[in-house]
Amino acid sequence: LEALSLGFYDGGTEMAEQLADAVAVAEYHEARAAGTGWLLLGLSVAFLAMVFITVE
């Protein structure tokens, strides 16, 4: 029984470590995507501003 409970504990901690790694990777990619989104928004605003300035 002790070996069985230790097996469950070791398996649980290994799964928790893998889940923590997956969450860290997801947070990294979410931050990159958000940064890219803000960059594209800024470039779009700058482009539209240039269009309005050159049209008039």
PDB file of N, CA and C in Angstrom:
ATOM      1  N   LEU A   1       0.831  -1.202   0.000  1.00  0.00           N
ATOM      2  CA  LEU A   1       0.000   0.000   0.000  1.00  0.00           C
ATOM      3  C   LEU A   1       0.873   1.261   0.000  1.00  0.00           C
ATOM      4  N   GLU A   2       1.961   1.212   0.752  1.00  0.00           N
ATOM      5  CA  GLU A   2       2.853   2.380   0.793  1.00  0.00           C
ATOM      6  C   GLU A   2       3.466   2.644  -0.579  1.00  0.00           C
ATOM      7  N   ALA A   3       3.893   1.565  -1.243  1.00  0.00           N
ATOM      8  CA  ALA A   3       4.475   1.726  -2.580  1.00  0.00           C
ATOM      9  C   ALA A   3       3.435   2.274  -3.547  1.00  0.00           C
ATOM     10  N   LEU A   4       2.197   1.824  -3.406  1.00  0.00           N
ATOM     11  CA  LEU A   4       1.128   2.304  -4.285  1.00  0.00           C
ATOM     12  C   LEU A   4       0.870   3.791  -4.050  1.00  0.00           C
ATOM     13  N   SER A   5       0.819   4.202  -2.774  1.00  0.00           N
ATOM     14  CA  SER A   5       0.569   5.615  -2.492  1.00  0.00           C
ATOM     15  C   SER A   5       1.746   6.475  -2.944  1.00  0.00           C
ATOM     16  N   LEU A   6       2.972   5.980  -2.791  1.00  0.00           N
ATOM     17  CA  LEU A   6       4.132   6.734  -3.278  1.00  0.00           C
ATOM     18  C   LEU A   6       4.103   6.845  -4.798  1.00  0.00           C
ATOM     19  N   GLY A   7       3.652   5.791  -5.465  1.00  0.00           N
ATOM     20  CA  GLY A   7       3.525   5.835  -6.924  1.00  0.00           C
ATOM     21  C   GLY A   7       2.528   6.893  -7.358  1.00  0.00           C
ATOM     22  N   PHE A   8       1.395   6.956  -6.659  1.00  0.00           N
ATOM     23  CA  PHE A   8       0.402   7.989  -6.976  1.00  0.00           C
ATOM     24  C   PHE A   8       0.960   9.381  -6.712  1.00  0.00           C
ATOM     25  N   TYR A   9       1.689   9.522  -5.602  1.00  0.00           N
ATOM     26  CA  TYR A   9       2.244  10.828  -5.248  1.00  0.00           C
ATOM     27  C   TYR A   9       3.269  11.269  -6.286  1.00  0.00           C
ATOM     28  N   ASP A  10       4.179  10.351  -6.658  1.00  0.00           N
ATOM     29  CA  ASP A  10       5.193  10.696  -7.661  1.00  0.00           C
ATOM     30  C   ASP A  10       4.552  11.013  -9.001  1.00  0.00           C
ATOM     31  N   GLY A  11       3.562  10.232  -9.392  1.00  0.00           N
ATOM     32  CA  GLY A  11       2.869  10.507 -10.649  1.00  0.00           C
ATOM     33  C   GLY A  11       2.144  11.837 -10.605  1.00  0.00           C
ATOM     34  N   GLY A  12       1.555  12.146  -9.448  1.00  0.00           N
ATOM     35  CA  GLY A  12       0.843  13.415  -9.305  1.00  0.00           C
ATOM     36  C   GLY A  12       1.771  14.606  -9.373  1.00  0.00           C
ATOM     37  N   THR A  13       2.932  14.496  -8.725  1.00  0.00           N
ATOM     38  CA  THR A  13       3.863  15.627  -8.770  1.00  0.00           C
ATOM     39  C   THR A  13       4.445  15.790 -10.167  1.00  0.00           C
ATOM     40  N   GLU A  14       4.662  14.672 -10.859  1.00  0.00           N
ATOM     41  CA  GLU A  14       5.176  14.771 -12.234  1.00  0.00           C
ATOM     42  C   GLU A  14       4.141  15.440 -13.138  1.00  0.00           C
ATOM     43  N   MET A  15       2.877  15.058 -12.971  1.00  0.00           N
ATOM     44  CA  MET A  15       1.822  15.692 -13.773  1.00  0.00           C
ATOM     45  C   MET A  15       1.693  17.172 -13.432  1.00  0.00           C
ATOM     46  N   ALA A  16       1.841  17.512 -12.152  1.00  0.00           N
ATOM     47  CA  ALA A  16       1.757  18.916 -11.749  1.00  0.00           C
ATOM     48  C   ALA A  16       2.901  19.723 -12.353  1.00  0.00           C
ATOM     49  N   GLU A  17       4.092  19.130 -12.412  1.00  0.00           N
ATOM     50  CA  GLU A  17       5.232  19.822 -13.029  1.00  0.00           C
ATOM     51  C   GLU A  17       4.994  20.032 -14.518  1.00  0.00           C
ATOM     52  N   GLN A  18       4.459  19.003 -15.190  1.00  0.00           N
ATOM     53  CA  GLN A  18       4.181  19.138 -16.623  1.00  0.00           C
ATOM     54  C   GLN A  18       3.113  20.199 -16.866  1.00  0.00           C
ATOM     55  N   LEU A  19       2.098  20.228 -16.000  1.00  0.00           N
ATOM     56  CA  LEU A  19       1.044  21.232 -16.139  1.00  0.00           C
ATOM     57  C   LEU A  19       1.600  22.635 -15.912  1.00  0.00           C
ATOM     58  N   ALA A  20       2.478  22.777 -14.919  1.00  0.00           N
ATOM     59  CA  ALA A  20       3.088  24.083 -14.657  1.00  0.00           C
ATOM     60  C   ALA A  20       3.936  24.532 -15.847  1.00  0.00           C
ATOM     61  N   ASP A  21       4.666  23.587 -16.458  1.00  0.00           N
ATOM     62  CA  ASP A  21       5.452  23.924 -17.648  1.00  0.00           C
ATOM     63  C   ASP A  21       4.546  24.356 -18.790  1.00  0.00           C
ATOM     64  N   ALA A  22       3.439  23.635 -18.987  1.00  0.00           N
ATOM     65  CA  ALA A  22       2.513  23.975 -20.071  1.00  0.00           C
ATOM     66  C   ALA A  22       1.893  25.353 -19.843  1.00  0.00           C
ATOM     67  N   VAL A  23       1.556  25.667 -18.599  1.00  0.00           N
ATOM     68  CA  VAL A  23       0.978  26.979 -18.285  1.00  0.00           C
ATOM     69  C   VAL A  23       2.002  28.080 -18.543  1.00  0.00           C
ATOM     70  N   ALA A  24       3.267  27.829 -18.185  1.00  0.00           N
ATOM     71  CA  ALA A  24       4.314  28.834 -18.417  1.00  0.00           C
ATOM     72  C   ALA A  24       4.491  29.094 -19.908  1.00  0.00           C
ATOM     73  N   VAL A  25       4.482  28.036 -20.711  1.00  0.00           N
ATOM     74  CA  VAL A  25       4.613  28.196 -22.167  1.00  0.00           C
ATOM     75  C   VAL A  25       3.414  28.965 -22.721  1.00  0.00           C
ATOM     76  N   ALA A  26       2.218  28.641 -22.242  1.00  0.00           N
ATOM     77  CA  ALA A  26       1.014  29.331 -22.721  1.00  0.00           C
ATOM     78  C   ALA A  26       1.049  30.814 -22.358  1.00  0.00           C
ATOM     79  N   GLU A  27       1.497  31.128 -21.140  1.00  0.00           N
ATOM     80  CA  GLU A  27       1.578  32.536 -20.737  1.00  0.00           C
ATOM     81  C   GLU A  27       2.596  33.293 -21.582  1.00  0.00           C
ATOM     82  N   TYR A  28       3.708  32.640 -21.923  1.00  0.00           N
ATOM     83  CA  TYR A  28       4.729  33.276 -22.759  1.00  0.00           C
ATOM     84  C   TYR A  28       4.149  33.600 -24.135  1.00  0.00           C
ATOM     85  N   HIS A  29       3.466  32.624 -24.735  1.00  0.00           N
ATOM     86  CA  HIS A  29       2.914  32.852 -26.069  1.00  0.00           C
ATOM     87  C   HIS A  29       1.777  33.869 -26.032  1.00  0.00           C
ATOM     88  N   GLU A  30       1.014  33.898 -24.935  1.00  0.00           N
ATOM     89  CA  GLU A  30      -0.046  34.898 -24.801  1.00  0.00           C
ATOM     90  C   GLU A  30       0.549  36.302 -24.744  1.00  0.00           C
ATOM     91  N   ALA A  31       1.645  36.457 -24.021  1.00  0.00           N
ATOM     92  CA  ALA A  31       2.300  37.765 -23.929  1.00  0.00           C
ATOM     93  C   ALA A  31       2.852  38.188 -25.287  1.00  0.00           C
ATOM     94  N   ARG A  32       3.441  37.245 -26.021  1.00  0.00           N
ATOM     95  CA  ARG A  32       3.957  37.573 -27.357  1.00  0.00           C
ATOM     96  C   ARG A  32       2.827  37.981 -28.285  1.00  0.00           C
ATOM     97  N   ALA A  33       1.709  37.243 -28.231  1.00  0.00           N
ATOM     98  CA  ALA A  33       0.577  37.555 -29.106  1.00  0.00           C
ATOM     99  C   ALA A  33      -0.005  38.921 -28.766  1.00  0.00           C
ATOM    100  N   ALA A  34      -0.092  39.238 -27.478  1.00  0.00           N
ATOM    101  CA  ALA A  34      -0.623  40.543 -27.079  1.00  0.00           C
ATOM    102  C   ALA A  34       0.306  41.656 -27.552  1.00  0.00           C
ATOM    103  N   GLY A  35       1.613  41.455 -27.433  1.00  0.00           N
ATOM    104  CA  GLY A  35       2.571  42.457 -27.901  1.00  0.00           C
ATOM    105  C   GLY A  35       2.471  42.665 -29.396  1.00  0.00           C
ATOM    106  N   THR A  36       2.309  41.572 -30.137  1.00  0.00           N
ATOM    107  CA  THR A  36       2.174  41.667 -31.591  1.00  0.00           C
ATOM    108  C   THR A  36       0.885  42.391 -31.960  1.00  0.00           C
ATOM    109  N   GLY A  37      -0.183  42.125 -31.219  1.00  0.00           N
ATOM    110  CA  GLY A  37      -1.458  42.799 -31.481  1.00  0.00           C
ATOM    111  C   GLY A  37      -1.357  44.299 -31.288  1.00  0.00           C
ATOM    112  N   TRP A  38      -0.708  44.724 -30.198  1.00  0.00           N
ATOM    113  CA  TRP A  38      -0.538  46.166 -29.958  1.00  0.00           C
ATOM    114  C   TRP A  38       0.342  46.796 -31.028  1.00  0.00           C
ATOM    115  N   LEU A  39       1.369  46.072 -31.467  1.00  0.00           N
ATOM    116  CA  LEU A  39       2.246  46.589 -32.522  1.00  0.00           C
ATOM    117  C   LEU A  39       1.462  46.788 -33.817  1.00  0.00           C
ATOM    118  N   LEU A  40       0.647  45.799 -34.188  1.00  0.00           N
ATOM    119  CA  LEU A  40      -0.150  45.922 -35.409  1.00  0.00           C
ATOM    120  C   LEU A  40      -1.168  47.053 -35.296  1.00  0.00           C
ATOM    121  N   LEU A  41      -1.759  47.215 -34.121  1.00  0.00           N
ATOM    122  CA  LEU A  41      -2.703  48.318 -33.926  1.00  0.00           C
ATOM    123  C   LEU A  41      -2.001  49.664 -34.085  1.00  0.00           C
ATOM    124  N   GLY A  42      -0.825  49.795 -33.507  1.00  0.00           N
ATOM    125  CA  GLY A  42      -0.068  51.041 -33.626  1.00  0.00           C
ATOM    126  C   GLY A  42       0.320  51.337 -35.061  1.00  0.00           C
ATOM    127  N   LEU A  43       0.761  50.312 -35.781  1.00  0.00           N
ATOM    128  CA  LEU A  43       1.128  50.514 -37.188  1.00  0.00           C
ATOM    129  C   LEU A  43      -0.091  50.890 -38.027  1.00  0.00           C
ATOM    130  N   SER A  44      -1.228  50.285 -37.730  1.00  0.00           N
ATOM    131  CA  SER A  44      -2.449  50.623 -38.471  1.00  0.00           C
ATOM    132  C   SER A  44      -2.852  52.071 -38.230  1.00  0.00           C
ATOM    133  N   VAL A  45      -2.783  52.516 -36.987  1.00  0.00           N
ATOM    134  CA  VAL A  45      -3.128  53.907 -36.668  1.00  0.00           C
ATOM    135  C   VAL A  45      -2.158  54.859 -37.354  1.00  0.00           C
ATOM    136  N   ALA A  46      -0.870  54.529 -37.344  1.00  0.00           N
ATOM    137  CA  ALA A  46       0.119  55.388 -38.000  1.00  0.00           C
ATOM    138  C   ALA A  46      -0.137  55.452 -39.504  1.00  0.00           C
ATOM    139  N   PHE A  47      -0.476  54.312 -40.099  1.00  0.00           N
ATOM    140  CA  PHE A  47      -0.755  54.284 -41.537  1.00  0.00           C
ATOM    141  C   PHE A  47      -1.981  55.139 -41.866  1.00  0.00           C
ATOM    142  N   LEU A  48      -3.047  54.989 -41.078  1.00  0.00           N
ATOM    143  CA  LEU A  48      -4.248  55.788 -41.333  1.00  0.00           C
ATOM    144  C   LEU A  48      -3.982  57.271 -41.123  1.00  0.00           C
ATOM    145  N   ALA A  49      -3.175  57.609 -40.140  1.00  0.00           N
ATOM    146  CA  ALA A  49      -2.825  59.017 -39.921  1.00  0.00           C
ATOM    147  C   ALA A  49      -2.070  59.562 -41.124  1.00  0.00           C
ATOM    148  N   MET A  50      -1.148  58.800 -41.672  1.00  0.00           N
ATOM    149  CA  MET A  50      -0.400  59.244 -42.857  1.00  0.00           C
ATOM    150  C   MET A  50      -1.334  59.409 -44.056  1.00  0.00           C
ATOM    151  N   VAL A  51      -2.295  58.509 -44.196  1.00  0.00           N
ATOM    152  CA  VAL A  51      -3.255  58.615 -45.300  1.00  0.00           C
ATOM    153  C   VAL A  51      -4.068  59.894 -45.162  1.00  0.00           C
ATOM    154  N   PHE A  52      -4.571  60.185 -43.968  1.00  0.00           N
ATOM    155  CA  PHE A  52      -5.362  61.399 -43.769  1.00  0.00           C
ATOM    156  C   PHE A  52      -4.522  62.646 -43.986  1.00  0.00           C
ATOM    157  N   ILE A  53      -3.261  62.626 -43.568  1.00  0.00           N
ATOM    158  CA  ILE A  53      -2.396  63.798 -43.735  1.00  0.00           C
ATOM    159  C   ILE A  53      -2.099  64.041 -45.215  1.00  0.00           C
ATOM    160  N   THR A  54      -1.833  62.979 -45.965  1.00  0.00           N
ATOM    161  CA  THR A  54      -1.461  63.147 -47.372  1.00  0.00           C
ATOM    162  C   THR A  54      -2.667  63.427 -48.259  1.00  0.00           C
ATOM    163  N   VAL A  55      -3.869  63.027 -47.852  1.00  0.00           N
ATOM    164  CA  VAL A  55      -5.063  63.272 -48.670  1.00  0.00           C
ATOM    165  C   VAL A  55      -5.412  64.755 -48.651  1.00  0.00           C
ATOM    166  N   GLU A  56      -5.252  65.404 -47.532  1.00  0.00           N
ATOM    167  CA  GLU A  56      -5.648  66.813 -47.421  1.00  0.00           C
ATOM    168  C   GLU A  56      -4.645  67.737 -47.985  1.00  0.00           C
TER     169      GLU A  56
END
